[in-house]
Protein backbone atom coordinates (compact mmCIF):
# COMPACT_ATOMS: atom_id res chain seq x y z
CA MET A 1 0.00 0.00 0.00
CA ARG A 2 1.37 3.40 -1.02
CA VAL A 3 0.62 6.20 1.46
CA ASN A 4 1.24 9.88 0.70
CA GLY A 5 2.88 10.45 4.06
CA THR A 6 4.53 8.82 7.05
CA ILE A 7 3.25 6.53 9.79
CA CYS A 8 4.83 7.02 13.23
CA PHE A 9 4.28 4.41 15.93
CA ARG A 10 4.29 5.47 19.55
CA TYR A 11 5.06 3.07 22.44
CA GLY A 12 1.85 1.59 23.83
CA CYS A 13 0.01 1.37 20.49
CA ASN A 14 -2.80 -1.20 20.74
CA LEU A 15 -4.43 -0.72 17.35
CA GLU A 16 -4.85 -3.53 14.88
CA PRO A 17 -2.99 -3.18 11.53
CA GLU A 18 -6.29 -3.02 9.62
CA GLN A 19 -7.39 0.02 11.66
CA ILE A 20 -4.19 1.81 10.71
CA LYS A 21 -4.62 0.91 7.03
CA GLN A 22 -8.20 2.21 7.03
CA GLU A 23 -7.07 5.50 8.55
CA ALA A 24 -4.38 5.87 5.89
CA ARG A 25 -6.81 5.09 3.05
CA SER A 26 -9.20 7.76 4.34
CA ARG A 27 -6.67 10.50 3.52
CA PRO A 28 -7.36 12.22 0.16
CA ALA A 29 -5.05 10.92 -2.54
CA LYS A 30 -3.96 14.43 -3.55
CA ALA A 31 -3.65 15.80 -0.02
CA SER A 32 -0.44 17.32 1.30
CA ASN A 33 2.00 14.97 2.92
CA PHE A 34 0.83 14.00 6.37
CA THR A 35 2.07 12.09 9.38
CA LEU A 36 -0.08 9.52 11.14
CA LEU A 37 0.74 9.37 14.85
CA VAL A 38 -0.33 6.00 16.22
CA ASP A 39 -0.48 5.48 19.98
CA SER A 40 -2.72 4.08 22.70
CA GLN A 41 -5.14 6.99 22.24
CA GLY A 42 -5.80 6.19 18.58
CA VAL A 43 -4.67 7.59 15.24
CA SER A 44 -4.05 11.28 14.63
CA ALA A 45 -2.90 13.00 11.45
CA PHE A 46 -1.18 16.30 10.81
CA PRO A 47 0.73 17.82 7.89
CA THR A 48 4.37 16.94 7.49
CA LEU A 49 6.37 20.18 7.47
CA PRO A 50 10.08 20.83 6.96
CA ILE A 51 12.19 19.67 9.86
CA GLY A 52 13.14 22.45 12.26
CA THR A 53 10.08 24.66 11.80
CA ARG A 54 8.28 25.98 14.85
CA LYS A 55 5.03 24.34 13.77
CA VAL A 56 6.57 20.89 13.64
CA ARG A 57 8.08 21.33 17.09
CA ARG A 58 4.83 22.48 18.65
CA MET A 59 2.80 19.71 17.01
CA VAL A 60 5.18 17.07 18.27
CA SER A 61 5.30 18.42 21.82
CA THR A 62 1.65 19.30 22.41
CA LEU A 63 0.09 16.38 20.55
CA ALA A 64 1.66 13.89 22.92
CA LEU A 65 0.88 15.73 26.13
CA ASP A 66 -2.35 17.75 26.02
CA ASP A 67 -4.26 16.27 23.09
CA GLY A 68 -7.90 15.79 24.15
CA LEU A 69 -7.41 17.51 27.51
CA VAL A 70 -10.66 17.91 29.46
CA LYS A 71 -11.22 21.57 30.36
CA GLY A 72 -13.77 23.99 31.79
CA ASP A 73 -17.13 22.78 33.05
CA SER A 74 -16.34 19.20 31.99
CA VAL A 75 -13.61 18.81 34.61
CA ARG A 76 -15.92 18.41 37.61
CA LYS A 77 -17.64 15.29 36.27
CA ILE A 78 -14.46 13.38 35.43
CA LEU A 79 -12.80 14.58 38.65
CA ASP A 80 -15.67 13.26 40.76
CA SER A 81 -15.47 9.92 38.98
CA ALA A 82 -11.70 9.74 39.45
CA MET A 83 -11.90 10.64 43.15
CA ASP A 84 -14.65 8.07 43.75
CA ALA A 85 -12.89 5.29 41.84
CA GLY A 86 -9.51 5.95 43.44
CA GLY A 87 -10.70 6.61 46.96
CA GLY A 88 -9.30 10.13 46.80
CA LEU A 89 -6.15 9.13 44.89
CA LEU A 90 -5.40 10.79 41.55
CA ARG A 91 -3.11 9.26 38.95
CA LEU A 92 -0.64 11.78 37.50
CA THR A 93 1.25 11.59 34.20
CA PRO A 94 4.90 12.59 33.65
CA THR A 95 5.51 16.34 33.38
CA TRP A 96 8.71 17.06 31.44
CA VAL A 97 10.43 20.46 31.50
CA PRO A 98 13.36 21.53 29.25
CA ARG A 99 15.98 24.16 30.11
CA SER A 100 17.75 26.00 27.31
CA PHE A 101 20.92 26.67 29.32
CA LEU A 102 21.49 23.16 30.74
CA HIS A 103 22.74 19.73 29.64
CA PRO A 104 20.52 16.72 30.51
CA GLY A 105 22.02 14.20 32.94
CA ARG A 106 20.01 11.30 31.42
CA ARG A 107 19.06 9.55 34.67
CA ILE A 108 15.34 10.37 34.88
CA LYS A 109 14.29 7.35 32.76
CA LEU A 110 13.38 9.32 29.63
CA HIS A 111 14.12 7.49 26.38
CA PRO A 112 17.49 8.56 24.88
CA SER A 113 15.77 9.77 21.70
CA ASP A 114 13.35 12.04 23.56
CA TYR A 115 15.49 14.52 25.49
CA TYR A 116 14.99 17.22 22.85
CA ARG A 117 11.34 16.55 22.02
CA PHE A 118 10.39 20.18 22.72
CA GLY A 119 12.92 21.17 20.05
CA ALA A 120 16.68 21.58 20.25
CA ASP A 121 16.26 25.35 20.41
CA ARG A 122 14.31 24.91 23.66
CA GLY A 123 17.10 22.87 25.24
CA GLY A 124 17.19 19.36 26.61
CA ILE A 125 14.78 17.90 29.14
CA ASP A 126 16.51 17.62 32.49
CA GLU A 127 13.55 18.05 34.83
CA ARG A 128 10.43 16.07 35.69
CA TRP A 129 7.92 17.93 37.86
CA PHE A 130 5.60 16.26 40.38
CA GLY A 131 2.19 17.36 41.62
CA SER A 132 2.64 20.76 40.03
CA THR A 133 0.13 23.55 39.56
CA THR A 134 3.01 25.95 38.80
CA ASP A 135 4.04 27.20 35.36
CA ALA A 136 7.64 26.73 34.26
CA ALA A 137 9.07 30.19 33.53
CA ASN A 138 10.72 29.27 30.23
CA GLU A 139 10.98 31.45 27.14
CA GLY A 140 8.97 29.95 24.28
CA ARG A 141 7.17 27.54 26.62
CA VAL A 142 4.15 25.51 25.58
CA TRP A 143 1.07 26.73 27.43
CA HIS A 144 0.96 23.91 29.99
CA GLU A 145 4.71 23.62 30.65
CA GLY A 146 5.25 22.66 34.29
CA GLN A 147 1.60 21.73 34.92
CA SER A 148 0.73 18.19 36.08
CA PHE A 149 -2.02 16.24 34.34
CA CYS A 150 -4.38 13.82 36.09
CA LEU A 151 -5.37 10.69 34.16
CA PHE A 152 -8.61 8.74 34.49
CA GLU A 153 -9.92 6.15 32.05
CA GLY A 154 -7.81 7.52 29.22
CA GLN A 155 -8.78 11.18 29.75
CA LYS A 156 -6.53 13.91 31.13
CA PHE A 157 -7.26 17.06 33.09
CA LEU A 158 -5.05 19.54 34.90
CA LEU A 159 -4.31 19.05 38.60
CA ARG A 160 -4.67 22.85 38.80
CA ASP A 161 -8.26 22.58 37.56
CA ALA A 162 -8.97 19.73 39.97
CA VAL A 163 -7.81 21.86 42.91
CA ALA A 164 -9.95 24.76 41.68
CA GLU A 165 -13.00 22.49 41.57
CA ARG A 166 -12.57 20.61 44.87
CA GLY A 167 -9.81 22.37 46.75
CA ASN A 168 -11.05 21.53 50.26
CA ASP A 169 -11.08 17.80 49.46
CA ILE A 170 -7.85 17.73 47.49
CA VAL A 171 -5.46 20.02 49.42
CA GLY A 172 -7.46 20.61 52.61
CA GLU A 173 -9.68 23.47 53.74
CA ALA A 174 -6.97 25.34 55.67
CA MET A 175 -4.53 25.35 52.76
CA PHE A 176 -7.10 26.11 50.08
CA SER A 177 -8.68 28.98 52.02
CA LYS A 178 -5.26 30.58 52.54
CA TYR A 179 -3.59 30.01 49.15
CA ASN A 180 -6.48 29.10 46.80
CA ARG A 181 -4.14 26.55 45.17
CA TRP A 182 -1.61 23.78 45.85
CA PRO A 183 1.27 26.20 46.52
CA VAL A 184 4.23 23.81 46.28
CA TYR A 185 5.73 21.31 43.86
CA SER A 186 8.70 19.01 43.55
CA LYS A 187 10.84 17.78 40.70
CA PHE A 188 13.74 15.64 39.65
CA PHE A 189 16.54 17.91 38.52
CA ASP A 190 19.08 15.97 36.48
CA ASN A 191 22.02 17.76 34.91
CA MET A 192 25.24 16.44 33.41
CA GLY A 193 27.36 19.04 35.21
CA PRO A 194 27.07 21.98 37.60
CA ILE A 195 24.82 24.93 36.90
CA PRO A 196 25.55 28.63 37.53
CA HIS A 197 25.78 30.10 41.02
CA HIS A 198 22.30 31.54 41.44
CA MET A 199 19.62 32.42 43.94
CA HIS A 200 15.84 32.45 44.10
CA GLN A 201 14.24 35.71 45.18
CA THR A 202 12.68 36.25 48.60
CA PHE A 203 8.93 36.73 48.74
CA GLU A 204 9.44 40.47 49.19
CA ASP A 205 11.77 40.83 46.20
CA ALA A 206 9.71 38.55 43.95
CA ALA A 207 6.61 40.63 44.68
CA LEU A 208 8.30 43.56 42.92
CA VAL A 209 7.68 41.76 39.61
CA GLY A 210 4.35 40.16 40.55
CA GLN A 211 5.85 36.78 41.47
CA GLU A 212 6.33 34.73 44.64
CA GLY A 213 9.60 33.86 46.33
CA LYS A 214 11.12 30.43 46.10
CA PRO A 215 12.68 28.55 49.00
CA GLU A 216 13.62 25.03 47.98
CA SER A 217 15.22 21.84 49.23
CA TYR A 218 17.33 18.95 47.95
CA TYR A 219 17.40 15.21 48.46
CA PHE A 220 19.69 12.88 46.50
CA PRO A 221 17.84 9.56 45.97
CA PRO A 222 20.28 6.65 45.49
CA GLN A 223 17.94 5.04 42.95
CA LEU A 224 18.42 7.99 40.54
CA ASN A 225 22.16 8.34 41.10
CA ASN A 226 23.94 5.30 39.75
CA VAL A 227 26.64 7.68 38.44
CA ASP A 228 27.97 11.05 39.67
CA ASN A 229 28.13 12.70 36.24
CA ASN A 230 30.63 15.53 35.87
CA PHE A 231 30.78 17.39 39.20
CA ALA A 232 29.06 15.99 42.32
CA TYR A 233 29.77 19.06 44.45
CA THR A 234 27.58 22.10 45.11
CA PHE A 235 28.84 25.59 45.87
CA MET A 236 26.57 27.17 48.48
CA GLY A 237 26.49 30.59 50.04
CA LEU A 238 29.53 32.85 50.31
CA GLU A 239 32.76 32.44 52.22
CA PRO A 240 32.40 34.17 55.61
CA GLY A 241 34.14 37.54 55.43
CA THR A 242 33.06 38.17 51.83
CA MET A 243 32.03 41.80 51.27
CA LYS A 244 29.22 43.11 49.08
CA GLU A 245 31.86 44.98 47.11
CA ASP A 246 33.38 41.61 46.14
CA VAL A 247 30.13 40.43 44.59
CA ARG A 248 29.62 43.80 42.89
CA ARG A 249 33.08 43.49 41.32
CA CYS A 250 32.09 40.10 39.90
CA LEU A 251 29.04 41.67 38.28
CA GLU A 252 31.18 44.45 36.83
CA ASN A 253 33.38 41.76 35.22
CA TRP A 254 30.45 39.88 33.67
CA ASN A 255 31.53 40.29 30.07
CA THR A 256 35.26 39.79 30.55
CA GLY A 257 35.06 36.00 30.88
CA ASP A 258 34.64 34.02 34.10
CA ASN A 259 33.53 36.68 36.58
CA GLY A 260 34.96 34.78 39.56
CA MET A 261 31.78 34.23 41.60
CA LEU A 262 32.87 30.74 42.68
CA ASP A 263 36.06 32.21 44.16
CA LEU A 264 33.82 33.76 46.81
CA SER A 265 32.03 30.51 47.71
CA ARG A 266 32.76 27.05 49.05
CA ALA A 267 31.78 23.65 47.64
CA TYR A 268 30.26 20.74 49.53
CA ARG A 269 30.53 17.16 48.37
CA LEU A 270 27.09 15.71 47.65
CA LYS A 271 26.14 12.54 49.51
CA ARG A 272 23.43 10.15 48.33
CA GLY A 273 20.57 9.72 50.76
CA THR A 274 21.00 13.21 52.30
CA GLY A 275 19.85 16.70 51.43
CA TRP A 276 19.91 20.46 51.97
CA LEU A 277 17.48 23.25 52.76
CA ILE A 278 18.03 26.35 50.59
CA PRO A 279 16.32 29.55 51.79
CA PRO A 280 15.47 32.26 49.24
CA GLY A 281 18.20 34.79 48.57
CA VAL A 282 20.96 32.20 49.15
CA LEU A 283 23.44 31.52 46.33
CA HIS A 284 23.94 27.93 45.21
CA ALA A 285 25.46 26.22 42.17
CA PRO A 286 23.93 22.71 42.20
CA GLY A 287 26.27 19.86 41.31
CA SER A 288 25.60 16.89 39.09
CA LEU A 289 23.77 14.40 41.30
CA CYS A 290 20.13 13.91 40.32
CA THR A 291 18.11 15.82 42.88
CA TYR A 292 14.59 15.52 44.29
CA GLU A 293 13.57 19.12 45.02
CA PRO A 294 10.46 19.97 47.07
CA GLN A 295 9.98 23.74 46.82
CA TRP A 296 7.59 26.64 46.81
CA GLY A 297 5.40 27.00 43.73
CA SER A 298 7.43 29.60 41.88
CA ASP A 299 10.11 29.56 39.17
CA VAL A 300 11.97 32.82 39.85
CA PHE A 301 15.76 32.97 39.86
CA GLY A 302 18.79 35.13 39.19
CA MET A 303 22.12 33.69 37.97
CA TYR A 304 25.22 35.46 39.33
CA GLN A 305 27.89 33.42 37.51
CA SER A 306 28.84 34.49 33.98
CA ILE A 307 30.47 31.29 32.69
CA VAL A 308 29.98 27.69 33.74
CA GLU A 309 31.83 24.77 32.13
CA GLY A 310 32.92 27.13 29.36
CA ARG A 311 29.35 28.19 28.53
CA TYR A 312 28.40 31.86 28.66
CA VAL A 313 25.42 32.78 30.85
CA PRO A 314 23.55 35.81 29.42
CA TRP A 315 22.92 38.80 31.67
CA SER A 316 19.20 38.33 31.04
CA LEU A 317 19.24 35.19 33.22
CA LEU A 318 20.57 37.28 36.10
CA VAL A 319 17.87 39.96 35.95
CA LYS A 320 14.87 38.16 34.48
CA ASP A 321 12.89 38.40 37.75
CA MET A 322 13.95 41.90 38.72
CA PRO A 323 12.22 45.22 37.85
CA LYS A 324 13.28 46.39 34.39
CA GLU A 325 14.51 49.73 35.68
CA LYS A 326 16.91 47.85 37.99
CA HIS A 327 18.52 45.60 35.36
CA GLN A 328 21.77 47.60 35.39
CA ASP A 329 21.65 48.66 39.06
CA LEU A 330 24.46 46.57 40.54
CA ASP A 331 23.80 47.63 44.12
CA PHE A 332 20.16 46.59 43.78
CA ILE A 333 21.17 43.23 42.29
CA VAL A 334 23.62 42.56 45.13
CA GLY A 335 20.94 43.67 47.58
CA GLN A 336 18.65 40.82 46.51
CA LEU A 337 20.96 38.39 48.30
CA ASP A 338 20.12 37.46 51.89
CA TRP A 339 23.55 38.49 53.13
CA ASP A 340 23.44 37.03 56.63
CA LYS A 341 22.38 33.60 55.41
CA ASN A 342 24.99 33.58 52.63
CA VAL A 343 27.93 34.31 54.96
CA ASP A 344 26.64 32.15 57.83
CA THR A 345 29.72 30.73 59.59
CA HIS A 346 27.71 27.57 60.37
CA PHE A 347 26.11 27.22 56.95
CA LYS A 348 26.19 23.40 56.91
CA GLN A 349 24.81 23.10 60.42
CA SER A 350 21.96 25.44 59.48
CA ASN A 351 21.01 23.80 56.18
CA TYR A 352 22.30 20.21 55.88
CA LEU A 353 19.71 17.39 56.20
CA GLU A 354 20.30 13.77 57.22
CA PRO A 355 17.31 11.36 57.13
CA VAL A 356 15.35 11.13 60.39
CA ARG A 357 13.20 8.08 61.13
CA ASP A 358 9.56 8.81 61.98
CA GLU A 359 9.00 6.25 64.72
CA ASP A 360 5.24 6.86 64.82
CA ARG A 361 4.84 5.92 61.15
CA SER A 362 7.39 3.11 60.88
CA GLY A 363 6.76 -0.52 61.75
CA ASP A 364 7.47 -4.15 60.97
CA GLY A 365 8.59 -4.33 57.34
CA TYR A 366 8.33 -0.62 56.58
CA GLU A 367 10.16 2.59 57.46
CA ASP A 368 9.13 6.22 56.97
CA LEU A 369 12.00 8.73 56.93
CA TRP A 370 11.95 12.50 57.04
CA ILE A 371 14.19 13.61 54.17
CA VAL A 372 13.21 17.31 53.94
CA TYR A 373 12.33 19.17 57.12
CA GLY A 374 12.93 22.38 59.02
CA THR A 375 11.51 25.84 58.54
CA VAL A 376 12.29 28.89 56.41
CA ASP A 377 12.29 32.10 58.43
CA GLY A 378 10.21 30.30 61.04
CA GLU A 379 7.58 28.97 58.63
CA GLN A 380 6.96 25.34 57.68
CA LEU A 381 6.56 25.78 53.91
CA PHE A 382 7.19 22.23 52.63
CA SER A 383 8.55 18.89 53.80
CA ALA A 384 9.14 15.42 52.37
CA LYS A 385 9.42 11.78 53.42
CA GLU A 386 10.74 8.53 51.99
CA LEU A 387 8.69 5.40 52.62
CA THR A 388 10.33 1.99 52.16
CA ILE A 389 8.24 -1.20 52.28
CA GLN A 390 9.96 -4.57 52.21
CA PRO A 391 8.82 -7.41 49.87
CA GLY A 392 5.58 -8.99 51.06
CA ALA A 393 4.89 -6.22 53.58
CA LYS A 394 2.18 -3.57 53.58
CA CYS A 395 1.16 -0.63 55.72
CA THR A 396 -1.57 1.94 56.09
CA LEU A 397 -0.23 5.36 55.24
CA ARG A 398 -2.05 8.05 57.21
CA ASP A 399 -0.83 11.65 57.00
CA PRO A 400 -2.27 14.91 58.31
CA GLY A 401 -2.42 16.44 54.83
CA ALA A 402 -2.20 15.96 51.09
CA SER A 403 0.98 14.87 49.35
CA SER A 404 2.37 14.06 45.92
CA TRP A 405 4.04 10.65 45.53
CA ILE A 406 6.65 9.34 43.08
CA THR A 407 7.77 5.71 43.09
CA VAL A 408 11.54 5.35 42.75
CA GLN A 409 11.99 1.60 43.29
CA GLY A 410 9.95 -1.59 43.07
CA ARG A 411 6.30 -2.30 42.35
CA GLY A 412 3.15 -2.58 44.39
CA ARG A 413 -0.16 -0.87 44.88
CA MET A 414 -1.55 2.17 46.65
CA GLY A 415 -5.20 1.58 47.39
CA SER A 416 -6.63 0.47 44.05
CA LEU A 417 -3.85 2.09 41.98
CA ASP A 418 -0.87 0.14 40.65
CA LEU A 419 2.65 1.35 41.42
CA GLN A 420 5.47 0.45 39.06
CA THR A 421 8.90 2.02 38.73
CA PRO A 422 9.58 2.39 34.99
CA ALA A 423 12.89 1.42 33.45
CA MET A 424 12.37 3.77 30.49
CA ILE A 425 9.70 6.30 29.54
CA ARG A 426 8.81 7.58 26.09
CA PHE A 427 7.85 11.25 25.77
CA GLY A 428 4.04 11.37 26.05
CA GLU A 429 3.77 7.90 27.57
CA ASN A 430 1.67 7.45 30.69
CA THR A 431 3.23 5.69 33.67
CA THR A 432 2.01 4.19 36.94
CA ASP A 433 4.68 5.63 39.24
CA GLU A 434 3.06 8.94 40.21
CA VAL A 435 0.04 9.62 42.45
CA PHE A 436 -1.48 12.62 44.19
CA LEU A 437 -2.83 11.71 47.62
CA SER A 438 -5.68 14.11 48.31
CA HIS A 439 -6.35 15.47 51.78
CA VAL A 440 -9.37 13.20 52.19
CA ALA A 441 -7.37 10.10 51.21
CA ALA A 442 -4.31 10.99 53.30
CA THR A 443 -6.25 11.70 56.47
CA ALA A 444 -8.46 8.61 56.10
CA GLY A 445 -5.46 6.35 55.45
CA VAL A 446 -4.36 4.46 52.34
CA GLU A 447 -3.04 0.89 52.26
CA ILE A 448 0.21 0.45 50.37
CA GLU A 449 1.52 -3.03 49.60
CA ASN A 450 4.78 -4.27 48.11
CA LEU A 451 3.95 -6.81 45.39
CA GLY A 452 7.49 -7.23 44.11
CA THR A 453 10.74 -8.94 45.06
CA GLU A 454 12.70 -5.80 45.98
CA PRO A 455 11.91 -2.90 48.34
CA LEU A 456 9.08 -0.59 47.29
CA VAL A 457 10.33 2.97 47.77
CA GLY A 458 8.34 6.16 47.30
CA LEU A 459 9.08 9.84 47.87
CA ARG A 460 6.26 12.19 48.84
CA TYR A 461 6.23 15.88 49.66
CA PHE A 462 3.77 18.01 51.59
CA GLY A 463 2.51 21.57 51.56
CA PRO A 464 2.83 24.29 54.20
CA ALA A 465 1.92 23.86 57.88
CA THR A 466 1.04 20.18 57.50
CA HIS A 467 2.92 18.53 60.39
CA ASP A 468 3.15 19.11 64.13
CA ASN A 469 6.12 16.74 64.58
CA LEU A 470 8.51 18.14 61.95
CA PRO A 471 12.19 17.79 62.91
CA THR A 472 14.34 20.91 62.98
CA ALA A 473 17.23 21.41 60.57
CA GLY A 474 20.37 20.01 62.13
CA SER A 475 18.55 16.99 63.59
């Protein structure tokens, strides 16, 4: 059979060959070249355009992720059905985010051919976001970039829309009444090497450009770190005794080559199974271990290092979340740093996190560890735990608030939902490793069982003011 076009098969295709042939025959004989995209959702067709055009890139990226997305008034019906069927558990699909200035570390299970599926001009995919209702602040982004999708019976809808419809049930009345959203998210950040010394604005400074501040945290899961990649050390803060004039001089030297920002800092070797708490306004140049990063729901940053691994960092990435009239005001730019926290003489003691066992939620055959804890300026903004269940064991997980879960090892079930750690994921493929535990499900309790032959391990993070037994940083 001669077809005036191309047939592309996507992983998970369950269509019979005759169905595909019929779809091809239905195309007009004199029509423009087209591509048939065949996957588990059916057969779709779109014109074949020259490689490298913007239209091709957008068709490829959006077709696989938001095609047929349920929106508007239709969300409530499918959400109610999903909540009823899952007992308050919502299945989430992978949310991939590219970064134009970074080099993918290739440990987040994405297929080797798919790291540039948003287009090479957008950069490689080195992040997967979890339980997100936050937009990724990328230039040229697709409209839903950073947003998590819920999946029920083959249909997708935004977690953001689900929270808007049933916020009290999904994130809890206290959180929804205060924030009107799920105000946090987490991600895997996976880079081949270090990234520039940068900070995330405080809430006060971010408000100057209509944004929110961004405290964040790190945990280095062993399951995602079989190799170190290029530089498993992170520069954090500034060497005690550093003066503001020293940082200003680095900014003055931006266009002369390496501006010397790392000369003012110190590096810490990254250790698997541990983490860090990074307050807003604190400089950090994350190293090359794959990182699990619970954080506030914002994507503001400013990069203070001009060259990293021989790559130039444009000035625009320093000032992108600062008022336009301040883009050349070096004193203002230096002033966005939280100086006391950067030059803290006990920086590690203040911010380093070792796992802490939660005795109340651990038992025979299972262990629940605090992996992200502590407060930021006295506020409990986010936290995270790692639950490990041994083969053949099960437990009832009961938390005081909602959480977002990602499975990092093994297989099992959570309530009626399957859990399976994927070995490889195609761009646009749905997985069974990610779940959002709504407030009603978490507080009622959910049974989790290990159905495999190795430990079942899941990471879950929580929103603000959820726990009354949170350890303090330094524990």
